[in-house]
Amino acid sequence: MPVRSLRTTILLGTETRSIDRWGRIKIWAAMPSAASAGESRAGHVLTGRRAGCLTLYPSSEWKRVESRLRGLSAGDEGRPFVRALLADACRVTVDARGRITIPRALLTRAGLGRRATLLGMADHLEIWNPGRLRRKLAQVEPEVGRLAQEVLGEE
């Protein structure tokens, strides 16, 4: 899943993993080169306010998100967005076996049971209920085809 770049690790592809009864899921195999790039196993941030999935940011990427959040106006749209994004956010640590523990509230929010699909999104991971991800991808397939043709020049 990971691909090295000059700037950082690029997370690509999908992997379906088990979630144990304590809410632990192995993610380190999806982000192994982060450790060799100096990324700490501590301080990753897990949020639950994105398209029906959870979002796991490596600590280096979360610093970029924090910077963008600070740049938002405190007006009508900025403050409620920050409040909603951070309401369920939590710091997670990768244990010695490469797992994080997903809090029960976030498991429920994302509709996660015994399995989850990790989806690499270049600078972060999304953690999906496998069925929900299949439905979401099926919904956007016509648009993906159109954009592939427009952006990538594919037919």
N, C-alpha and C. Protein backbone atom coordinates (compact mmCIF):
# COMPACT_ATOMS: atom_id res chain seq x y z
N MET A 1 0.80 -1.20 0.00
CA MET A 1 0.00 0.00 0.00
C MET A 1 0.85 1.27 0.00
N PRO A 2 1.91 1.43 0.82
CA PRO A 2 2.66 2.68 0.79
C PRO A 2 3.62 2.77 -0.38
N VAL A 3 3.82 3.97 -0.87
CA VAL A 3 4.78 4.27 -1.92
C VAL A 3 5.60 5.45 -1.43
N ARG A 4 6.92 5.38 -1.54
CA ARG A 4 7.77 6.47 -1.07
C ARG A 4 7.75 7.62 -2.07
N SER A 5 7.76 8.82 -1.57
CA SER A 5 7.93 9.99 -2.41
C SER A 5 9.01 10.86 -1.78
N LEU A 6 9.40 11.92 -2.45
CA LEU A 6 10.42 12.80 -1.89
C LEU A 6 9.88 13.54 -0.68
N ARG A 7 8.59 13.87 -0.68
CA ARG A 7 8.01 14.66 0.40
C ARG A 7 7.65 13.80 1.59
N THR A 8 6.99 12.71 1.35
CA THR A 8 6.49 11.87 2.44
C THR A 8 6.06 10.52 1.88
N THR A 9 5.52 9.69 2.72
CA THR A 9 4.97 8.42 2.27
C THR A 9 3.63 8.68 1.60
N ILE A 10 3.39 8.06 0.46
CA ILE A 10 2.10 8.18 -0.21
C ILE A 10 1.35 6.88 0.04
N LEU A 11 0.15 6.98 0.57
CA LEU A 11 -0.66 5.82 0.91
C LEU A 11 -1.64 5.55 -0.22
N LEU A 12 -1.57 4.34 -0.77
CA LEU A 12 -2.40 3.96 -1.91
C LEU A 12 -3.06 2.61 -1.67
N GLY A 13 -4.13 2.33 -2.40
CA GLY A 13 -4.74 1.01 -2.41
C GLY A 13 -5.65 0.74 -1.23
N THR A 14 -6.10 -0.52 -1.16
CA THR A 14 -6.98 -0.94 -0.08
C THR A 14 -6.51 -2.25 0.51
N GLU A 15 -6.81 -2.42 1.79
CA GLU A 15 -6.56 -3.68 2.49
C GLU A 15 -7.72 -3.87 3.46
N THR A 16 -8.28 -5.07 3.50
CA THR A 16 -9.34 -5.36 4.46
C THR A 16 -8.74 -6.10 5.63
N ARG A 17 -9.07 -5.63 6.83
CA ARG A 17 -8.48 -6.15 8.05
C ARG A 17 -9.56 -6.50 9.07
N SER A 18 -9.19 -7.36 10.02
CA SER A 18 -10.08 -7.70 11.13
C SER A 18 -9.97 -6.65 12.22
N ILE A 19 -11.08 -6.47 12.92
CA ILE A 19 -11.11 -5.65 14.13
C ILE A 19 -11.40 -6.59 15.28
N ASP A 20 -10.56 -6.59 16.30
CA ASP A 20 -10.79 -7.52 17.41
C ASP A 20 -11.84 -6.97 18.37
N ARG A 21 -12.18 -7.73 19.38
CA ARG A 21 -13.28 -7.35 20.27
C ARG A 21 -12.96 -6.12 21.12
N TRP A 22 -11.70 -5.71 21.18
CA TRP A 22 -11.30 -4.51 21.89
C TRP A 22 -11.22 -3.29 20.97
N GLY A 23 -11.60 -3.47 19.71
CA GLY A 23 -11.58 -2.37 18.76
C GLY A 23 -10.22 -2.10 18.14
N ARG A 24 -9.33 -3.08 18.20
CA ARG A 24 -7.99 -2.90 17.64
C ARG A 24 -7.95 -3.39 16.20
N ILE A 25 -7.23 -2.64 15.38
CA ILE A 25 -7.04 -2.99 13.96
C ILE A 25 -5.58 -2.73 13.61
N LYS A 26 -5.01 -3.64 12.84
CA LYS A 26 -3.60 -3.48 12.44
C LYS A 26 -3.53 -2.51 11.28
N ILE A 27 -2.83 -1.41 11.50
CA ILE A 27 -2.67 -0.42 10.43
C ILE A 27 -1.21 -0.24 10.05
N TRP A 28 -0.30 -0.70 10.89
CA TRP A 28 1.11 -0.39 10.64
C TRP A 28 1.61 -0.95 9.32
N ALA A 29 1.12 -2.09 8.90
CA ALA A 29 1.55 -2.64 7.61
C ALA A 29 1.16 -1.71 6.47
N ALA A 30 0.11 -0.92 6.67
CA ALA A 30 -0.32 0.03 5.65
C ALA A 30 0.54 1.29 5.64
N MET A 31 1.27 1.53 6.74
CA MET A 31 2.06 2.74 6.86
C MET A 31 3.47 2.43 7.36
N PRO A 32 4.14 1.37 6.89
CA PRO A 32 5.42 0.98 7.48
C PRO A 32 6.55 1.96 7.23
N SER A 33 6.56 2.57 6.08
CA SER A 33 7.68 3.44 5.78
C SER A 33 7.61 4.74 6.54
N ALA A 34 6.47 5.02 7.18
CA ALA A 34 6.39 6.21 8.01
C ALA A 34 7.38 6.12 9.16
N ALA A 35 7.57 4.93 9.70
CA ALA A 35 8.52 4.77 10.81
C ALA A 35 9.94 5.05 10.35
N SER A 36 10.29 4.54 9.18
CA SER A 36 11.65 4.76 8.69
C SER A 36 11.87 6.20 8.26
N ALA A 37 10.79 6.92 8.01
CA ALA A 37 10.92 8.34 7.65
C ALA A 37 10.90 9.23 8.88
N GLY A 38 11.00 8.63 10.07
CA GLY A 38 11.04 9.41 11.29
C GLY A 38 9.68 9.66 11.91
N GLU A 39 8.64 9.08 11.36
CA GLU A 39 7.28 9.25 11.88
C GLU A 39 7.16 8.48 13.18
N SER A 40 6.65 9.10 14.20
CA SER A 40 6.46 8.46 15.49
C SER A 40 5.26 7.51 15.42
N ARG A 41 5.30 6.46 16.23
CA ARG A 41 4.13 5.59 16.35
C ARG A 41 3.07 6.22 17.22
N ALA A 42 3.41 7.30 17.90
CA ALA A 42 2.46 7.99 18.76
C ALA A 42 1.95 9.24 18.06
N GLY A 43 0.81 9.70 18.49
CA GLY A 43 0.33 10.99 18.04
C GLY A 43 -0.45 11.01 16.74
N HIS A 44 -0.76 9.87 16.16
CA HIS A 44 -1.64 9.88 15.00
C HIS A 44 -3.00 10.37 15.46
N VAL A 45 -3.77 10.95 14.54
CA VAL A 45 -5.08 11.47 14.93
C VAL A 45 -6.15 10.77 14.11
N LEU A 46 -7.18 10.31 14.81
CA LEU A 46 -8.31 9.60 14.21
C LEU A 46 -9.53 10.49 14.35
N THR A 47 -10.22 10.74 13.22
CA THR A 47 -11.43 11.55 13.24
C THR A 47 -12.58 10.76 12.64
N GLY A 48 -13.79 11.21 12.91
CA GLY A 48 -14.96 10.48 12.44
C GLY A 48 -15.96 11.30 11.67
N ARG A 49 -15.57 12.39 11.09
CA ARG A 49 -16.52 13.27 10.40
C ARG A 49 -16.24 13.39 8.92
N ARG A 50 -16.19 12.25 8.22
CA ARG A 50 -15.86 12.35 6.80
C ARG A 50 -16.54 11.26 6.01
N ALA A 51 -17.59 11.58 5.29
CA ALA A 51 -18.21 10.70 4.30
C ALA A 51 -18.55 9.30 4.80
N GLY A 52 -18.83 9.15 6.08
CA GLY A 52 -19.23 7.83 6.58
C GLY A 52 -18.09 6.90 6.94
N CYS A 53 -16.88 7.43 7.02
CA CYS A 53 -15.73 6.61 7.38
C CYS A 53 -14.93 7.32 8.46
N LEU A 54 -13.90 6.65 8.96
CA LEU A 54 -12.95 7.27 9.87
C LEU A 54 -11.74 7.70 9.06
N THR A 55 -11.05 8.70 9.54
CA THR A 55 -9.85 9.19 8.87
C THR A 55 -8.70 9.16 9.85
N LEU A 56 -7.61 8.50 9.46
CA LEU A 56 -6.43 8.41 10.30
C LEU A 56 -5.31 9.22 9.66
N TYR A 57 -4.87 10.25 10.37
CA TYR A 57 -3.79 11.10 9.89
C TYR A 57 -2.50 10.75 10.61
N PRO A 58 -1.42 10.48 9.88
CA PRO A 58 -0.11 10.38 10.53
C PRO A 58 0.18 11.73 11.19
N SER A 59 0.99 11.73 12.22
CA SER A 59 1.23 12.96 12.97
C SER A 59 1.75 14.10 12.09
N SER A 60 2.60 13.80 11.13
CA SER A 60 3.13 14.86 10.26
C SER A 60 2.03 15.49 9.42
N GLU A 61 1.09 14.70 8.94
CA GLU A 61 -0.02 15.24 8.14
C GLU A 61 -1.01 15.99 9.03
N TRP A 62 -1.21 15.51 10.26
CA TRP A 62 -2.13 16.20 11.16
C TRP A 62 -1.64 17.61 11.45
N LYS A 63 -0.32 17.83 11.49
CA LYS A 63 0.21 19.18 11.70
C LYS A 63 -0.24 20.10 10.57
N ARG A 64 -0.29 19.59 9.35
CA ARG A 64 -0.78 20.38 8.22
C ARG A 64 -2.26 20.70 8.37
N VAL A 65 -3.04 19.70 8.84
CA VAL A 65 -4.47 19.92 9.06
C VAL A 65 -4.67 20.98 10.14
N GLU A 66 -3.91 20.88 11.23
CA GLU A 66 -4.01 21.87 12.30
C GLU A 66 -3.74 23.28 11.78
N SER A 67 -2.74 23.40 10.94
CA SER A 67 -2.40 24.70 10.37
C SER A 67 -3.57 25.25 9.54
N ARG A 68 -4.19 24.39 8.74
CA ARG A 68 -5.35 24.82 7.94
C ARG A 68 -6.54 25.20 8.83
N LEU A 69 -6.73 24.43 9.92
CA LEU A 69 -7.83 24.73 10.83
C LEU A 69 -7.63 26.09 11.49
N ARG A 70 -6.40 26.39 11.87
CA ARG A 70 -6.11 27.69 12.48
C ARG A 70 -6.35 28.84 11.50
N GLY A 71 -6.23 28.55 10.21
CA GLY A 71 -6.42 29.57 9.19
C GLY A 71 -7.88 29.85 8.85
N LEU A 72 -8.78 29.01 9.34
CA LEU A 72 -10.21 29.24 9.08
C LEU A 72 -10.71 30.41 9.89
N SER A 73 -11.67 31.12 9.31
CA SER A 73 -12.26 32.22 10.07
C SER A 73 -13.11 31.64 11.20
N ALA A 74 -13.28 32.42 12.22
CA ALA A 74 -14.12 32.01 13.35
C ALA A 74 -15.58 32.33 13.08
N GLY A 75 -15.91 32.62 11.83
CA GLY A 75 -17.26 33.00 11.47
C GLY A 75 -18.24 31.85 11.46
N ASP A 76 -19.33 32.06 10.74
CA ASP A 76 -20.44 31.13 10.74
C ASP A 76 -20.08 29.73 10.25
N GLU A 77 -19.18 29.61 9.28
CA GLU A 77 -18.83 28.29 8.75
C GLU A 77 -17.60 27.69 9.42
N GLY A 78 -16.61 28.50 9.73
CA GLY A 78 -15.35 28.00 10.25
C GLY A 78 -15.46 27.32 11.60
N ARG A 79 -16.02 27.99 12.56
CA ARG A 79 -16.08 27.45 13.92
C ARG A 79 -16.93 26.18 14.01
N PRO A 80 -18.14 26.13 13.41
CA PRO A 80 -18.91 24.88 13.48
C PRO A 80 -18.21 23.71 12.79
N PHE A 81 -17.50 23.98 11.70
CA PHE A 81 -16.76 22.91 11.03
C PHE A 81 -15.67 22.37 11.94
N VAL A 82 -14.89 23.25 12.53
CA VAL A 82 -13.81 22.82 13.43
C VAL A 82 -14.40 22.05 14.60
N ARG A 83 -15.48 22.56 15.16
CA ARG A 83 -16.13 21.90 16.29
C ARG A 83 -16.56 20.48 15.90
N ALA A 84 -17.20 20.35 14.74
CA ALA A 84 -17.68 19.03 14.28
C ALA A 84 -16.51 18.08 14.01
N LEU A 85 -15.46 18.59 13.37
CA LEU A 85 -14.31 17.75 13.05
C LEU A 85 -13.61 17.24 14.30
N LEU A 86 -13.45 18.12 15.28
CA LEU A 86 -12.68 17.76 16.47
C LEU A 86 -13.49 17.11 17.57
N ALA A 87 -14.82 17.12 17.46
CA ALA A 87 -15.67 16.57 18.52
C ALA A 87 -15.34 15.12 18.83
N ASP A 88 -15.11 14.32 17.81
CA ASP A 88 -14.82 12.91 18.02
C ASP A 88 -13.37 12.55 17.75
N ALA A 89 -12.55 13.55 17.45
CA ALA A 89 -11.14 13.28 17.14
C ALA A 89 -10.41 12.81 18.38
N CYS A 90 -9.45 11.93 18.18
CA CYS A 90 -8.63 11.46 19.30
C CYS A 90 -7.24 11.10 18.79
N ARG A 91 -6.28 11.20 19.69
CA ARG A 91 -4.92 10.77 19.36
C ARG A 91 -4.86 9.27 19.62
N VAL A 92 -4.21 8.56 18.71
CA VAL A 92 -4.04 7.12 18.88
C VAL A 92 -2.57 6.78 18.73
N THR A 93 -2.17 5.73 19.40
CA THR A 93 -0.80 5.26 19.36
C THR A 93 -0.79 3.89 18.70
N VAL A 94 0.18 3.66 17.86
CA VAL A 94 0.36 2.35 17.24
C VAL A 94 1.13 1.49 18.23
N ASP A 95 0.54 0.34 18.60
CA ASP A 95 1.21 -0.53 19.58
C ASP A 95 2.33 -1.34 18.92
N ALA A 96 2.99 -2.17 19.70
CA ALA A 96 4.14 -2.95 19.21
C ALA A 96 3.76 -3.91 18.09
N ARG A 97 2.48 -4.25 18.00
CA ARG A 97 2.02 -5.15 16.93
C ARG A 97 1.44 -4.41 15.73
N GLY A 98 1.60 -3.09 15.71
CA GLY A 98 1.15 -2.30 14.57
C GLY A 98 -0.33 -2.00 14.58
N ARG A 99 -0.96 -2.02 15.75
CA ARG A 99 -2.41 -1.80 15.84
C ARG A 99 -2.73 -0.47 16.51
N ILE A 100 -3.88 0.07 16.15
CA ILE A 100 -4.46 1.17 16.90
C ILE A 100 -5.76 0.65 17.51
N THR A 101 -6.20 1.31 18.57
CA THR A 101 -7.50 0.99 19.16
C THR A 101 -8.47 2.09 18.76
N ILE A 102 -9.57 1.68 18.12
CA ILE A 102 -10.60 2.63 17.71
C ILE A 102 -11.62 2.72 18.84
N PRO A 103 -11.85 3.93 19.37
CA PRO A 103 -12.84 4.07 20.43
C PRO A 103 -14.23 3.59 19.98
N ARG A 104 -14.98 3.06 20.92
CA ARG A 104 -16.30 2.50 20.64
C ARG A 104 -17.20 3.49 19.89
N ALA A 105 -17.20 4.77 20.29
CA ALA A 105 -18.05 5.77 19.63
C ALA A 105 -17.70 5.90 18.14
N LEU A 106 -16.42 5.83 17.81
CA LEU A 106 -16.01 5.95 16.41
C LEU A 106 -16.33 4.67 15.64
N LEU A 107 -16.21 3.51 16.29
CA LEU A 107 -16.61 2.26 15.64
C LEU A 107 -18.09 2.35 15.24
N THR A 108 -18.90 2.84 16.16
CA THR A 108 -20.34 2.97 15.89
C THR A 108 -20.60 3.98 14.79
N ARG A 109 -19.96 5.15 14.86
CA ARG A 109 -20.17 6.20 13.85
C ARG A 109 -19.88 5.70 12.44
N ALA A 110 -18.83 4.89 12.30
CA ALA A 110 -18.43 4.40 10.97
C ALA A 110 -19.12 3.09 10.59
N GLY A 111 -19.96 2.55 11.48
CA GLY A 111 -20.65 1.30 11.18
C GLY A 111 -19.70 0.12 11.09
N LEU A 112 -18.64 0.13 11.88
CA LEU A 112 -17.64 -0.93 11.81
C LEU A 112 -17.99 -2.08 12.74
N GLY A 113 -17.80 -3.29 12.25
CA GLY A 113 -18.01 -4.50 13.03
C GLY A 113 -16.70 -5.25 13.16
N ARG A 114 -16.68 -6.47 12.63
CA ARG A 114 -15.49 -7.32 12.74
C ARG A 114 -14.46 -7.07 11.63
N ARG A 115 -14.83 -6.36 10.57
CA ARG A 115 -13.92 -6.11 9.44
C ARG A 115 -13.95 -4.64 9.06
N ALA A 116 -12.84 -4.17 8.54
CA ALA A 116 -12.75 -2.80 8.03
C ALA A 116 -11.82 -2.80 6.83
N THR A 117 -12.07 -1.90 5.91
CA THR A 117 -11.20 -1.72 4.76
C THR A 117 -10.42 -0.43 4.93
N LEU A 118 -9.10 -0.55 4.85
CA LEU A 118 -8.21 0.61 4.89
C LEU A 118 -8.03 1.10 3.47
N LEU A 119 -8.26 2.37 3.24
CA LEU A 119 -8.14 2.96 1.91
C LEU A 119 -7.10 4.06 1.98
N GLY A 120 -6.00 3.89 1.23
CA GLY A 120 -4.95 4.90 1.19
C GLY A 120 -5.39 6.08 0.36
N MET A 121 -5.29 7.27 0.95
CA MET A 121 -5.72 8.50 0.29
C MET A 121 -4.54 9.48 0.17
N ALA A 122 -3.39 8.95 -0.21
CA ALA A 122 -2.15 9.71 -0.42
C ALA A 122 -1.53 10.17 0.89
N ASP A 123 -2.20 11.05 1.66
CA ASP A 123 -1.58 11.58 2.87
C ASP A 123 -2.27 11.12 4.16
N HIS A 124 -3.30 10.29 4.05
CA HIS A 124 -3.99 9.76 5.21
C HIS A 124 -4.67 8.45 4.84
N LEU A 125 -5.15 7.74 5.85
CA LEU A 125 -5.92 6.51 5.61
C LEU A 125 -7.38 6.76 5.95
N GLU A 126 -8.26 6.20 5.16
CA GLU A 126 -9.67 6.14 5.52
C GLU A 126 -9.95 4.72 5.98
N ILE A 127 -10.79 4.59 7.01
CA ILE A 127 -11.16 3.29 7.56
C ILE A 127 -12.66 3.14 7.35
N TRP A 128 -13.04 2.17 6.49
CA TRP A 128 -14.42 2.02 6.03
C TRP A 128 -15.03 0.70 6.46
N ASN A 129 -16.32 0.72 6.66
CA ASN A 129 -17.12 -0.50 6.66
C ASN A 129 -17.02 -1.01 5.22
N PRO A 130 -16.62 -2.27 4.98
CA PRO A 130 -16.40 -2.73 3.61
C PRO A 130 -17.61 -2.58 2.69
N GLY A 131 -18.79 -2.89 3.18
CA GLY A 131 -20.00 -2.74 2.36
C GLY A 131 -20.31 -1.30 2.04
N ARG A 132 -20.12 -0.43 3.01
CA ARG A 132 -20.37 1.01 2.80
C ARG A 132 -19.41 1.55 1.75
N LEU A 133 -18.13 1.13 1.78
CA LEU A 133 -17.17 1.59 0.78
C LEU A 133 -17.56 1.10 -0.62
N ARG A 134 -17.96 -0.18 -0.73
CA ARG A 134 -18.39 -0.69 -2.05
C ARG A 134 -19.54 0.13 -2.60
N ARG A 135 -20.53 0.46 -1.76
CA ARG A 135 -21.68 1.25 -2.21
C ARG A 135 -21.25 2.66 -2.60
N LYS A 136 -20.37 3.26 -1.82
CA LYS A 136 -19.89 4.62 -2.10
C LYS A 136 -19.15 4.66 -3.45
N LEU A 137 -18.28 3.66 -3.68
CA LEU A 137 -17.54 3.62 -4.95
C LEU A 137 -18.47 3.39 -6.14
N ALA A 138 -19.49 2.55 -5.95
CA ALA A 138 -20.45 2.30 -7.03
C ALA A 138 -21.22 3.57 -7.39
N GLN A 139 -21.55 4.38 -6.38
CA GLN A 139 -22.29 5.63 -6.61
C GLN A 139 -21.50 6.62 -7.47
N VAL A 140 -20.19 6.65 -7.28
CA VAL A 140 -19.38 7.66 -7.96
C VAL A 140 -18.72 7.15 -9.24
N GLU A 141 -18.95 5.90 -9.59
CA GLU A 141 -18.29 5.31 -10.77
C GLU A 141 -18.50 6.12 -12.05
N PRO A 142 -19.72 6.58 -12.37
CA PRO A 142 -19.86 7.38 -13.61
C PRO A 142 -19.02 8.66 -13.57
N GLU A 143 -18.97 9.33 -12.42
CA GLU A 143 -18.19 10.55 -12.30
C GLU A 143 -16.69 10.26 -12.38
N VAL A 144 -16.26 9.14 -11.80
CA VAL A 144 -14.85 8.75 -11.85
C VAL A 144 -14.44 8.53 -13.30
N GLY A 145 -15.29 7.87 -14.07
CA GLY A 145 -14.99 7.64 -15.49
C GLY A 145 -14.84 8.94 -16.25
N ARG A 146 -15.75 9.88 -15.99
CA ARG A 146 -15.70 11.17 -16.67
C ARG A 146 -14.43 11.92 -16.28
N LEU A 147 -14.10 11.94 -14.99
CA LEU A 147 -12.90 12.66 -14.54
C LEU A 147 -11.62 11.98 -15.03
N ALA A 148 -11.61 10.66 -15.10
CA ALA A 148 -10.43 9.95 -15.61
C ALA A 148 -10.16 10.37 -17.05
N GLN A 149 -11.23 10.50 -17.81
CA GLN A 149 -11.07 10.93 -19.20
C GLN A 149 -10.58 12.38 -19.26
N GLU A 150 -11.17 13.22 -18.44
CA GLU A 150 -10.83 14.65 -18.45
C GLU A 150 -9.43 14.92 -17.88
N VAL A 151 -9.13 14.33 -16.73
CA VAL A 151 -7.87 14.64 -16.03
C VAL A 151 -6.70 13.82 -16.54
N LEU A 152 -6.94 12.52 -16.76
CA LEU A 152 -5.85 11.62 -17.13
C LEU A 152 -5.77 11.34 -18.63
N GLY A 153 -6.76 11.80 -19.37
CA GLY A 153 -6.76 11.57 -20.80
C GLY A 153 -7.09 10.13 -21.16
N GLU A 154 -7.75 9.41 -20.23
CA GLU A 154 -8.13 8.02 -20.50
C GLU A 154 -9.47 7.98 -21.21
N GLU A 155 -9.66 6.94 -22.00
CA GLU A 155 -10.92 6.78 -22.71
C GLU A 155 -11.74 5.70 -22.10
